[in-house]
Amino acid sequence: MALFALDKDINFPPVHLAEPDGLLAIGGDLSEARLLKAYAMGIFPWFEGDTPLWWSPNPRFVLFPSELQVSKSMRQLLKRKEFRFSINQDFEQVICNCKTTFRKDQAGTWIT
């Protein structure tokens, strides 16, 4: 299969054209518009260095709420209400926090 080079246009190739390991495209930018389009298609950036690599592995890890089994320890954690779950509240701030929060025992941040 071919590896697609992205340009200023935010369109992506169809995900069924990804390599067996899920690699779909290279290049482009990490603009909000491109990220939103990518995530809506099941595509995400994962790379080191300056050039984005865009992935769409198949199968993907998907959680189905009706099939989720929450462990006893997780239920106890959730009861403490230390965390809040929200959807579509502040995308820009989420991306900013992912970019600036360092991870223990790992080089860099979630989004470099």
PDB file of N, CA and C in Angstrom:
ATOM      1  N   MET A   1       0.838  -1.181   0.000  1.00  0.00           N
ATOM      2  CA  MET A   1       0.000   0.000   0.000  1.00  0.00           C
ATOM      3  C   MET A   1       0.884   1.245   0.000  1.00  0.00           C
ATOM      4  N   ALA A   2       0.312   2.347  -0.398  1.00  0.00           N
ATOM      5  CA  ALA A   2       1.055   3.597  -0.500  1.00  0.00           C
ATOM      6  C   ALA A   2       0.932   4.400   0.788  1.00  0.00           C
ATOM      7  N   LEU A   3       1.973   5.163   1.093  1.00  0.00           N
ATOM      8  CA  LEU A   3       1.938   6.096   2.209  1.00  0.00           C
ATOM      9  C   LEU A   3       1.615   7.463   1.620  1.00  0.00           C
ATOM     10  N   PHE A   4       0.593   8.103   2.114  1.00  0.00           N
ATOM     11  CA  PHE A   4       0.123   9.351   1.542  1.00  0.00           C
ATOM     12  C   PHE A   4       0.805  10.548   2.194  1.00  0.00           C
ATOM     13  N   ALA A   5       1.251  11.501   1.373  1.00  0.00           N
ATOM     14  CA  ALA A   5       1.859  12.742   1.856  1.00  0.00           C
ATOM     15  C   ALA A   5       0.765  13.808   1.924  1.00  0.00           C
ATOM     16  N   LEU A   6       0.590  14.396   3.106  1.00  0.00           N
ATOM     17  CA  LEU A   6      -0.423  15.431   3.281  1.00  0.00           C
ATOM     18  C   LEU A   6       0.154  16.792   2.942  1.00  0.00           C
ATOM     19  N   ASP A   7      -0.703  17.687   2.473  1.00  0.00           N
ATOM     20  CA  ASP A   7      -0.288  19.057   2.188  1.00  0.00           C
ATOM     21  C   ASP A   7      -1.161  20.011   3.002  1.00  0.00           C
ATOM     22  N   LYS A   8      -1.353  21.234   2.519  1.00  0.00           N
ATOM     23  CA  LYS A   8      -2.136  22.223   3.257  1.00  0.00           C
ATOM     24  C   LYS A   8      -3.617  21.867   3.331  1.00  0.00           C
ATOM     25  N   ASP A   9      -4.098  21.082   2.387  1.00  0.00           N
ATOM     26  CA  ASP A   9      -5.484  20.621   2.398  1.00  0.00           C
ATOM     27  C   ASP A   9      -5.665  19.676   3.585  1.00  0.00           C
ATOM     28  N   ILE A  10      -6.756  19.803   4.329  1.00  0.00           N
ATOM     29  CA  ILE A  10      -6.900  18.981   5.541  1.00  0.00           C
ATOM     30  C   ILE A  10      -7.551  17.627   5.288  1.00  0.00           C
ATOM     31  N   ASN A  11      -7.743  17.257   4.041  1.00  0.00           N
ATOM     32  CA  ASN A  11      -8.351  15.959   3.755  1.00  0.00           C
ATOM     33  C   ASN A  11      -7.367  14.821   3.983  1.00  0.00           C
ATOM     34  N   PHE A  12      -7.903  13.673   4.365  1.00  0.00           N
ATOM     35  CA  PHE A  12      -7.122  12.457   4.580  1.00  0.00           C
ATOM     36  C   PHE A  12      -7.571  11.396   3.583  1.00  0.00           C
ATOM     37  N   PRO A  13      -6.687  10.472   3.263  1.00  0.00           N
ATOM     38  CA  PRO A  13      -7.110   9.344   2.426  1.00  0.00           C
ATOM     39  C   PRO A  13      -8.039   8.430   3.221  1.00  0.00           C
ATOM     40  N   PRO A  14      -8.782   7.580   2.546  1.00  0.00           N
ATOM     41  CA  PRO A  14      -9.648   6.629   3.263  1.00  0.00           C
ATOM     42  C   PRO A  14      -8.827   5.728   4.179  1.00  0.00           C
ATOM     43  N   VAL A  15      -9.345   5.454   5.373  1.00  0.00           N
ATOM     44  CA  VAL A  15      -8.584   4.684   6.362  1.00  0.00           C
ATOM     45  C   VAL A  15      -8.321   3.245   5.923  1.00  0.00           C
ATOM     46  N   HIS A  16      -9.114   2.707   5.030  1.00  0.00           N
ATOM     47  CA  HIS A  16      -8.870   1.327   4.586  1.00  0.00           C
ATOM     48  C   HIS A  16      -7.592   1.214   3.750  1.00  0.00           C
ATOM     49  N   LEU A  17      -6.997   2.349   3.389  1.00  0.00           N
ATOM     50  CA  LEU A  17      -5.752   2.342   2.623  1.00  0.00           C
ATOM     51  C   LEU A  17      -4.512   2.384   3.515  1.00  0.00           C
ATOM     52  N   ALA A  18      -4.696   2.328   4.826  1.00  0.00           N
ATOM     53  CA  ALA A  18      -3.559   2.359   5.761  1.00  0.00           C
ATOM     54  C   ALA A  18      -2.708   1.102   5.614  1.00  0.00           C
ATOM     55  N   GLU A  19      -1.437   1.234   5.995  1.00  0.00           N
ATOM     56  CA  GLU A  19      -0.526   0.094   6.027  1.00  0.00           C
ATOM     57  C   GLU A  19      -1.053  -0.927   7.046  1.00  0.00           C
ATOM     58  N   PRO A  20      -0.582  -2.166   7.001  1.00  0.00           N
ATOM     59  CA  PRO A  20      -1.046  -3.170   7.969  1.00  0.00           C
ATOM     60  C   PRO A  20      -0.861  -2.751   9.433  1.00  0.00           C
ATOM     61  N   ASP A  21       0.192  -1.951   9.723  1.00  0.00           N
ATOM     62  CA  ASP A  21       0.405  -1.496  11.099  1.00  0.00           C
ATOM     63  C   ASP A  21      -0.433  -0.269  11.447  1.00  0.00           C
ATOM     64  N   GLY A  22      -1.185   0.261  10.478  1.00  0.00           N
ATOM     65  CA  GLY A  22      -2.050   1.404  10.725  1.00  0.00           C
ATOM     66  C   GLY A  22      -1.539   2.725  10.203  1.00  0.00           C
ATOM     67  N   LEU A  23      -0.271   2.790   9.768  1.00  0.00           N
ATOM     68  CA  LEU A  23       0.265   4.051   9.256  1.00  0.00           C
ATOM     69  C   LEU A  23      -0.457   4.417   7.966  1.00  0.00           C
ATOM     70  N   LEU A  24      -0.986   5.638   7.927  1.00  0.00           N
ATOM     71  CA  LEU A  24      -1.807   6.072   6.801  1.00  0.00           C
ATOM     72  C   LEU A  24      -1.169   7.202   6.006  1.00  0.00           C
ATOM     73  N   ALA A  25      -0.619   8.191   6.706  1.00  0.00           N
ATOM     74  CA  ALA A  25      -0.136   9.380   6.005  1.00  0.00           C
ATOM     75  C   ALA A  25       1.002  10.030   6.781  1.00  0.00           C
ATOM     76  N   ILE A  26       1.685  10.937   6.089  1.00  0.00           N
ATOM     77  CA  ILE A  26       2.796  11.676   6.681  1.00  0.00           C
ATOM     78  C   ILE A  26       2.655  13.141   6.292  1.00  0.00           C
ATOM     79  N   GLY A  27       3.048  14.024   7.211  1.00  0.00           N
ATOM     80  CA  GLY A  27       3.053  15.448   6.898  1.00  0.00           C
ATOM     81  C   GLY A  27       1.840  16.177   7.424  1.00  0.00           C
ATOM     82  N   GLY A  28       1.592  17.322   6.825  1.00  0.00           N
ATOM     83  CA  GLY A  28       0.502  18.162   7.282  1.00  0.00           C
ATOM     84  C   GLY A  28       0.894  18.916   8.541  1.00  0.00           C
ATOM     85  N   ASP A  29      -0.090  19.331   9.289  1.00  0.00           N
ATOM     86  CA  ASP A  29       0.155  20.084  10.518  1.00  0.00           C
ATOM     87  C   ASP A  29      -0.762  19.556  11.616  1.00  0.00           C
ATOM     88  N   LEU A  30      -0.665  20.176  12.777  1.00  0.00           N
ATOM     89  CA  LEU A  30      -1.505  19.780  13.909  1.00  0.00           C
ATOM     90  C   LEU A  30      -2.537  20.856  14.226  1.00  0.00           C
ATOM     91  N   SER A  31      -3.053  21.484  13.184  1.00  0.00           N
ATOM     92  CA  SER A  31      -4.065  22.518  13.392  1.00  0.00           C
ATOM     93  C   SER A  31      -5.329  21.898  13.985  1.00  0.00           C
ATOM     94  N   GLU A  32      -6.100  22.736  14.647  1.00  0.00           N
ATOM     95  CA  GLU A  32      -7.341  22.250  15.251  1.00  0.00           C
ATOM     96  C   GLU A  32      -8.250  21.630  14.192  1.00  0.00           C
ATOM     97  N   ALA A  33      -8.354  22.276  13.038  1.00  0.00           N
ATOM     98  CA  ALA A  33      -9.222  21.760  11.972  1.00  0.00           C
ATOM     99  C   ALA A  33      -8.767  20.382  11.507  1.00  0.00           C
ATOM    100  N   ARG A  34      -7.451  20.201  11.350  1.00  0.00           N
ATOM    101  CA  ARG A  34      -6.944  18.902  10.889  1.00  0.00           C
ATOM    102  C   ARG A  34      -7.150  17.832  11.961  1.00  0.00           C
ATOM    103  N   LEU A  35      -6.886  18.177  13.223  1.00  0.00           N
ATOM    104  CA  LEU A  35      -7.078  17.205  14.301  1.00  0.00           C
ATOM    105  C   LEU A  35      -8.540  16.783  14.422  1.00  0.00           C
ATOM    106  N   LEU A  36      -9.448  17.738  14.350  1.00  0.00           N
ATOM    107  CA  LEU A  36     -10.868  17.403  14.438  1.00  0.00           C
ATOM    108  C   LEU A  36     -11.284  16.486  13.292  1.00  0.00           C
ATOM    109  N   LYS A  37     -10.815  16.793  12.093  1.00  0.00           N
ATOM    110  CA  LYS A  37     -11.140  15.951  10.933  1.00  0.00           C
ATOM    111  C   LYS A  37     -10.558  14.554  11.124  1.00  0.00           C
ATOM    112  N   ALA A  38      -9.292  14.498  11.559  1.00  0.00           N
ATOM    113  CA  ALA A  38      -8.629  13.206  11.751  1.00  0.00           C
ATOM    114  C   ALA A  38      -9.357  12.366  12.792  1.00  0.00           C
ATOM    115  N   TYR A  39      -9.611  12.936  13.957  1.00  0.00           N
ATOM    116  CA  TYR A  39     -10.250  12.179  15.033  1.00  0.00           C
ATOM    117  C   TYR A  39     -11.638  11.693  14.617  1.00  0.00           C
ATOM    118  N   ALA A  40     -12.359  12.506  13.856  1.00  0.00           N
ATOM    119  CA  ALA A  40     -13.687  12.106  13.390  1.00  0.00           C
ATOM    120  C   ALA A  40     -13.617  10.902  12.455  1.00  0.00           C
ATOM    121  N   MET A  41     -12.461  10.709  11.809  1.00  0.00           N
ATOM    122  CA  MET A  41     -12.278   9.589  10.874  1.00  0.00           C
ATOM    123  C   MET A  41     -11.568   8.399  11.525  1.00  0.00           C
ATOM    124  N   GLY A  42     -11.226   8.515  12.816  1.00  0.00           N
ATOM    125  CA  GLY A  42     -10.500   7.432  13.473  1.00  0.00           C
ATOM    126  C   GLY A  42      -9.013   7.475  13.189  1.00  0.00           C
ATOM    127  N   ILE A  43      -8.492   8.657  12.906  1.00  0.00           N
ATOM    128  CA  ILE A  43      -7.074   8.856  12.590  1.00  0.00           C
ATOM    129  C   ILE A  43      -6.463   9.696  13.698  1.00  0.00           C
ATOM    130  N   PHE A  44      -5.227   9.397  14.088  1.00  0.00           N
ATOM    131  CA  PHE A  44      -4.561  10.201  15.109  1.00  0.00           C
ATOM    132  C   PHE A  44      -3.083  10.358  14.769  1.00  0.00           C
ATOM    133  N   PRO A  45      -2.470  11.478  15.232  1.00  0.00           N
ATOM    134  CA  PRO A  45      -1.038  11.674  14.999  1.00  0.00           C
ATOM    135  C   PRO A  45      -0.225  10.990  16.093  1.00  0.00           C
ATOM    136  N   TRP A  46       0.883  10.379  15.698  1.00  0.00           N
ATOM    137  CA  TRP A  46       1.808   9.765  16.663  1.00  0.00           C
ATOM    138  C   TRP A  46       3.176   9.783  16.012  1.00  0.00           C
ATOM    139  N   PHE A  47       4.098  10.571  16.580  1.00  0.00           N
ATOM    140  CA  PHE A  47       5.401  10.719  15.937  1.00  0.00           C
ATOM    141  C   PHE A  47       6.394  11.350  16.889  1.00  0.00           C
ATOM    142  N   GLU A  48       7.655  11.253  16.550  1.00  0.00           N
ATOM    143  CA  GLU A  48       8.735  11.970  17.215  1.00  0.00           C
ATOM    144  C   GLU A  48       9.417  12.800  16.147  1.00  0.00           C
ATOM    145  N   GLY A  49       9.879  13.983  16.507  1.00  0.00           N
ATOM    146  CA  GLY A  49      10.512  14.836  15.516  1.00  0.00           C
ATOM    147  C   GLY A  49       9.536  15.869  14.996  1.00  0.00           C
ATOM    148  N   ASP A  50       9.798  16.339  13.786  1.00  0.00           N
ATOM    149  CA  ASP A  50       9.036  17.456  13.240  1.00  0.00           C
ATOM    150  C   ASP A  50       7.896  17.071  12.305  1.00  0.00           C
ATOM    151  N   THR A  51       7.952  15.900  11.711  1.00  0.00           N
ATOM    152  CA  THR A  51       6.971  15.539  10.693  1.00  0.00           C
ATOM    153  C   THR A  51       5.901  14.611  11.264  1.00  0.00           C
ATOM    154  N   PRO A  52       4.642  15.062  11.257  1.00  0.00           N
ATOM    155  CA  PRO A  52       3.568  14.217  11.786  1.00  0.00           C
ATOM    156  C   PRO A  52       3.384  12.928  10.985  1.00  0.00           C
ATOM    157  N   LEU A  53       3.170  11.847  11.700  1.00  0.00           N
ATOM    158  CA  LEU A  53       2.749  10.579  11.114  1.00  0.00           C
ATOM    159  C   LEU A  53       1.314  10.353  11.569  1.00  0.00           C
ATOM    160  N   TRP A  54       0.461   9.951  10.650  1.00  0.00           N
ATOM    161  CA  TRP A  54      -0.965   9.791  10.931  1.00  0.00           C
ATOM    162  C   TRP A  54      -1.336   8.318  10.857  1.00  0.00           C
ATOM    163  N   TRP A  55      -1.985   7.839  11.896  1.00  0.00           N
ATOM    164  CA  TRP A  55      -2.268   6.416  12.069  1.00  0.00           C
ATOM    165  C   TRP A  55      -3.763   6.152  12.146  1.00  0.00           C
ATOM    166  N   SER A  56      -4.150   4.994  11.651  1.00  0.00           N
ATOM    167  CA  SER A  56      -5.525   4.515  11.781  1.00  0.00           C
ATOM    168  C   SER A  56      -5.489   2.993  11.851  1.00  0.00           C
ATOM    169  N   PRO A  57      -5.079   2.455  13.004  1.00  0.00           N
ATOM    170  CA  PRO A  57      -4.956   0.998  13.118  1.00  0.00           C
ATOM    171  C   PRO A  57      -6.317   0.299  13.076  1.00  0.00           C
ATOM    172  N   ASN A  58      -6.290  -0.903  12.575  1.00  0.00           N
ATOM    173  CA  ASN A  58      -7.493  -1.721  12.534  1.00  0.00           C
ATOM    174  C   ASN A  58      -7.101  -3.123  12.979  1.00  0.00           C
ATOM    175  N   PRO A  59      -7.611  -3.630  14.069  1.00  0.00           N
ATOM    176  CA  PRO A  59      -8.711  -3.059  14.849  1.00  0.00           C
ATOM    177  C   PRO A  59      -8.222  -1.963  15.794  1.00  0.00           C
ATOM    178  N   ARG A  60      -9.168  -1.152  16.239  1.00  0.00           N
ATOM    179  CA  ARG A  60      -8.887  -0.099  17.203  1.00  0.00           C
ATOM    180  C   ARG A  60      -9.381  -0.558  18.573  1.00  0.00           C
ATOM    181  N   PHE A  61      -8.853   0.097  19.593  1.00  0.00           N
ATOM    182  CA  PHE A  61      -9.349  -0.154  20.942  1.00  0.00           C
ATOM    183  C   PHE A  61     -10.596   0.700  21.131  1.00  0.00           C
ATOM    184  N   VAL A  62     -11.705   0.063  21.353  1.00  0.00           N
ATOM    185  CA  VAL A  62     -12.975   0.763  21.517  1.00  0.00           C
ATOM    186  C   VAL A  62     -13.644   0.263  22.787  1.00  0.00           C
ATOM    187  N   LEU A  63     -14.112   1.203  23.594  1.00  0.00           N
ATOM    188  CA  LEU A  63     -14.882   0.851  24.789  1.00  0.00           C
ATOM    189  C   LEU A  63     -16.362   1.011  24.478  1.00  0.00           C
ATOM    190  N   PHE A  64     -17.116  -0.041  24.714  1.00  0.00           N
ATOM    191  CA  PHE A  64     -18.562   0.012  24.563  1.00  0.00           C
ATOM    192  C   PHE A  64     -19.161   0.117  25.962  1.00  0.00           C
ATOM    193  N   PRO A  65     -19.798   1.238  26.290  1.00  0.00           N
ATOM    194  CA  PRO A  65     -20.305   1.442  27.646  1.00  0.00           C
ATOM    195  C   PRO A  65     -21.170   0.297  28.161  1.00  0.00           C
ATOM    196  N   SER A  66     -21.974  -0.295  27.310  1.00  0.00           N
ATOM    197  CA  SER A  66     -22.856  -1.378  27.763  1.00  0.00           C
ATOM    198  C   SER A  66     -22.089  -2.648  28.118  1.00  0.00           C
ATOM    199  N   GLU A  67     -20.842  -2.765  27.655  1.00  0.00           N
ATOM    200  CA  GLU A  67     -20.042  -3.960  27.912  1.00  0.00           C
ATOM    201  C   GLU A  67     -18.922  -3.721  28.924  1.00  0.00           C
ATOM    202  N   LEU A  68     -18.803  -2.495  29.385  1.00  0.00           N
ATOM    203  CA  LEU A  68     -17.713  -2.131  30.285  1.00  0.00           C
ATOM    204  C   LEU A  68     -17.918  -2.745  31.665  1.00  0.00           C
ATOM    205  N   GLN A  69     -16.896  -3.402  32.166  1.00  0.00           N
ATOM    206  CA  GLN A  69     -16.934  -3.969  33.508  1.00  0.00           C
ATOM    207  C   GLN A  69     -15.987  -3.151  34.383  1.00  0.00           C
ATOM    208  N   VAL A  70     -16.551  -2.459  35.349  1.00  0.00           N
ATOM    209  CA  VAL A  70     -15.773  -1.595  36.228  1.00  0.00           C
ATOM    210  C   VAL A  70     -15.361  -2.395  37.457  1.00  0.00           C
ATOM    211  N   SER A  71     -14.068  -2.420  37.718  1.00  0.00           N
ATOM    212  CA  SER A  71     -13.553  -3.178  38.863  1.00  0.00           C
ATOM    213  C   SER A  71     -13.963  -2.515  40.181  1.00  0.00           C
ATOM    214  N   LYS A  72     -13.861  -3.273  41.257  1.00  0.00           N
ATOM    215  CA  LYS A  72     -14.209  -2.759  42.584  1.00  0.00           C
ATOM    216  C   LYS A  72     -13.343  -1.552  42.936  1.00  0.00           C
ATOM    217  N   SER A  73     -12.047  -1.640  42.667  1.00  0.00           N
ATOM    218  CA  SER A  73     -11.153  -0.525  42.997  1.00  0.00           C
ATOM    219  C   SER A  73     -11.485   0.711  42.161  1.00  0.00           C
ATOM    220  N   MET A  74     -11.883   0.521  40.909  1.00  0.00           N
ATOM    221  CA  MET A  74     -12.262   1.656  40.072  1.00  0.00           C
ATOM    222  C   MET A  74     -13.563   2.269  40.563  1.00  0.00           C
ATOM    223  N   ARG A  75     -14.521   1.447  40.984  1.00  0.00           N
ATOM    224  CA  ARG A  75     -15.777   1.974  41.535  1.00  0.00           C
ATOM    225  C   ARG A  75     -15.501   2.836  42.758  1.00  0.00           C
ATOM    226  N   GLN A  76     -14.581   2.384  43.618  1.00  0.00           N
ATOM    227  CA  GLN A  76     -14.235   3.154  44.813  1.00  0.00           C
ATOM    228  C   GLN A  76     -13.613   4.492  44.423  1.00  0.00           C
ATOM    229  N   LEU A  77     -12.756   4.466  43.414  1.00  0.00           N
ATOM    230  CA  LEU A  77     -12.136   5.703  42.939  1.00  0.00           C
ATOM    231  C   LEU A  77     -13.193   6.656  42.389  1.00  0.00           C
ATOM    232  N   LEU A  78     -14.111   6.143  41.613  1.00  0.00           N
ATOM    233  CA  LEU A  78     -15.157   6.978  41.031  1.00  0.00           C
ATOM    234  C   LEU A  78     -16.074   7.570  42.099  1.00  0.00           C
ATOM    235  N   LYS A  79     -16.334   6.834  43.171  1.00  0.00           N
ATOM    236  CA  LYS A  79     -17.194   7.329  44.250  1.00  0.00           C
ATOM    237  C   LYS A  79     -16.588   8.539  44.954  1.00  0.00           C
ATOM    238  N   ARG A  80     -15.263   8.646  44.934  1.00  0.00           N
ATOM    239  CA  ARG A  80     -14.602   9.783  45.587  1.00  0.00           C
ATOM    240  C   ARG A  80     -14.796  11.084  44.806  1.00  0.00           C
ATOM    241  N   LYS A  81     -15.247  10.971  43.572  1.00  0.00           N
ATOM    242  CA  LYS A  81     -15.548  12.137  42.726  1.00  0.00           C
ATOM    243  C   LYS A  81     -14.362  13.086  42.597  1.00  0.00           C
ATOM    244  N   GLU A  82     -13.176  12.518  42.451  1.00  0.00           N
ATOM    245  CA  GLU A  82     -11.980  13.334  42.243  1.00  0.00           C
ATOM    246  C   GLU A  82     -11.827  13.737  40.778  1.00  0.00           C
ATOM    247  N   PHE A  83     -12.569  13.083  39.909  1.00  0.00           N
ATOM    248  CA  PHE A  83     -12.466  13.336  38.480  1.00  0.00           C
ATOM    249  C   PHE A  83     -13.835  13.693  37.928  1.00  0.00           C
ATOM    250  N   ARG A  84     -13.804  14.420  36.833  1.00  0.00           N
ATOM    251  CA  ARG A  84     -15.041  14.807  36.167  1.00  0.00           C
ATOM    252  C   ARG A  84     -14.927  14.416  34.700  1.00  0.00           C
ATOM    253  N   PHE A  85     -15.935  13.772  34.177  1.00  0.00           N
ATOM    254  CA  PHE A  85     -15.976  13.373  32.779  1.00  0.00           C
ATOM    255  C   PHE A  85     -16.825  14.375  32.019  1.00  0.00           C
ATOM    256  N   SER A  86     -16.295  14.885  30.908  1.00  0.00           N
ATOM    257  CA  SER A  86     -17.065  15.811  30.089  1.00  0.00           C
ATOM    258  C   SER A  86     -16.741  15.566  28.620  1.00  0.00           C
ATOM    259  N   ILE A  87     -17.615  16.033  27.772  1.00  0.00           N
ATOM    260  CA  ILE A  87     -17.455  15.870  26.330  1.00  0.00           C
ATOM    261  C   ILE A  87     -17.613  17.230  25.666  1.00  0.00           C
ATOM    262  N   ASN A  88     -16.701  17.527  24.738  1.00  0.00           N
ATOM    263  CA  ASN A  88     -16.789  18.742  23.918  1.00  0.00           C
ATOM    264  C   ASN A  88     -16.913  20.020  24.748  1.00  0.00           C
ATOM    265  N   GLN A  89     -16.122  20.130  25.800  1.00  0.00           N
ATOM    266  CA  GLN A  89     -16.193  21.310  26.650  1.00  0.00           C
ATOM    267  C   GLN A  89     -15.143  22.363  26.291  1.00  0.00           C
ATOM    268  N   ASP A  90     -13.894  21.944  26.075  1.00  0.00           N
ATOM    269  CA  ASP A  90     -12.827  22.910  25.813  1.00  0.00           C
ATOM    270  C   ASP A  90     -11.678  22.214  25.083  1.00  0.00           C
ATOM    271  N   PHE A  91     -11.878  21.902  23.815  1.00  0.00           N
ATOM    272  CA  PHE A  91     -10.903  21.153  23.024  1.00  0.00           C
ATOM    273  C   PHE A  91      -9.524  21.814  23.054  1.00  0.00           C
ATOM    274  N   GLU A  92      -9.486  23.131  22.871  1.00  0.00           N
ATOM    275  CA  GLU A  92      -8.207  23.845  22.832  1.00  0.00           C
ATOM    276  C   GLU A  92      -7.428  23.661  24.137  1.00  0.00           C
ATOM    277  N   GLN A  93      -8.098  23.752  25.274  1.00  0.00           N
ATOM    278  CA  GLN A  93      -7.430  23.591  26.563  1.00  0.00           C
ATOM    279  C   GLN A  93      -6.964  22.151  26.767  1.00  0.00           C
ATOM    280  N   VAL A  94      -7.749  21.182  26.322  1.00  0.00           N
ATOM    281  CA  VAL A  94      -7.341  19.774  26.424  1.00  0.00           C
ATOM    282  C   VAL A  94      -6.051  19.552  25.643  1.00  0.00           C
ATOM    283  N   ILE A  95      -5.995  20.040  24.418  1.00  0.00           N
ATOM    284  CA  ILE A  95      -4.794  19.887  23.595  1.00  0.00           C
ATOM    285  C   ILE A  95      -3.618  20.600  24.249  1.00  0.00           C
ATOM    286  N   CYS A  96      -3.838  21.796  24.777  1.00  0.00           N
ATOM    287  CA  CYS A  96      -2.769  22.542  25.456  1.00  0.00           C
ATOM    288  C   CYS A  96      -2.244  21.763  26.656  1.00  0.00           C
ATOM    289  N   ASN A  97      -3.133  21.207  27.466  1.00  0.00           N
ATOM    290  CA  ASN A  97      -2.704  20.435  28.637  1.00  0.00           C
ATOM    291  C   ASN A  97      -1.944  19.180  28.232  1.00  0.00           C
ATOM    292  N   CYS A  98      -2.390  18.510  27.183  1.00  0.00           N
ATOM    293  CA  CYS A  98      -1.676  17.313  26.709  1.00  0.00           C
ATOM    294  C   CYS A  98      -0.274  17.679  26.225  1.00  0.00           C
ATOM    295  N   LYS A  99      -0.137  18.873  25.693  1.00  0.00           N
ATOM    296  CA  LYS A  99       1.152  19.321  25.157  1.00  0.00           C
ATOM    297  C   LYS A  99       2.124  19.737  26.260  1.00  0.00           C
ATOM    298  N   THR A 100       1.611  20.139  27.415  1.00  0.00           N
ATOM    299  CA  THR A 100       2.486  20.687  28.458  1.00  0.00           C
ATOM    300  C   THR A 100       2.653  19.788  29.680  1.00  0.00           C
ATOM    301  N   THR A 101       1.941  18.686  29.753  1.00  0.00           N
ATOM    302  CA  THR A 101       2.027  17.791  30.906  1.00  0.00           C
ATOM    303  C   THR A 101       3.043  16.691  30.646  1.00  0.00           C
ATOM    304  N   PHE A 102       4.110  16.676  31.441  1.00  0.00           N
ATOM    305  CA  PHE A 102       5.145  15.659  31.279  1.00  0.00           C
ATOM    306  C   PHE A 102       4.710  14.368  31.949  1.00  0.00           C
ATOM    307  N   ARG A 103       5.147  13.240  31.379  1.00  0.00           N
ATOM    308  CA  ARG A 103       4.768  11.918  31.861  1.00  0.00           C
ATOM    309  C   ARG A 103       5.934  11.283  32.605  1.00  0.00           C
ATOM    310  N   LYS A 104       5.655  10.677  33.718  1.00  0.00           N
ATOM    311  CA  LYS A 104       6.676  10.028  34.529  1.00  0.00           C
ATOM    312  C   LYS A 104       7.376   8.928  33.728  1.00  0.00           C
ATOM    313  N   ASP A 105       8.687   8.921  33.806  1.00  0.00           N
ATOM    314  CA  ASP A 105       9.530   7.898  33.177  1.00  0.00           C
ATOM    315  C   ASP A 105       9.400   7.850  31.659  1.00  0.00           C
ATOM    316  N   GLN A 106       8.955   8.939  31.035  1.00  0.00           N
ATOM    317  CA  GLN A 106       8.875   8.996  29.578  1.00  0.00           C
ATOM    318  C   GLN A 106       9.392  10.343  29.105  1.00  0.00           C
ATOM    319  N   ALA A 107      10.028  10.322  27.952  1.00  0.00           N
ATOM    320  CA  ALA A 107      10.543  11.562  27.382  1.00  0.00           C
ATOM    321  C   ALA A 107       9.402  12.338  26.733  1.00  0.00           C
ATOM    322  N   GLY A 108       9.341  13.612  27.005  1.00  0.00           N
ATOM    323  CA  GLY A 108       8.369  14.458  26.339  1.00  0.00           C
ATOM    324  C   GLY A 108       6.990  14.421  26.955  1.00  0.00           C
ATOM    325  N   THR A 109       6.053  14.926  26.186  1.00  0.00           N
ATOM    326  CA  THR A 109       4.665  15.031  26.616  1.00  0.00           C
ATOM    327  C   THR A 109       3.799  14.173  25.708  1.00  0.00           C
ATOM    328  N   TRP A 110       2.507  14.154  25.987  1.00  0.00           N
ATOM    329  CA  TRP A 110       1.599  13.369  25.163  1.00  0.00           C
ATOM    330  C   TRP A 110       1.594  13.899  23.732  1.00  0.00           C
ATOM    331  N   ILE A 111       1.577  15.200  23.585  1.00  0.00           N
ATOM    332  CA  ILE A 111       1.647  15.835  22.267  1.00  0.00           C
ATOM    333  C   ILE A 111       2.888  16.715  22.275  1.00  0.00           C
ATOM    334  N   THR A 112       3.838  16.394  21.430  1.00  0.00           N
ATOM    335  CA  THR A 112       5.088  17.174  21.401  1.00  0.00           C
ATOM    336  C   THR A 112       5.072  18.207  20.315  1.00  0.00           C
TER     337      THR A 112
END
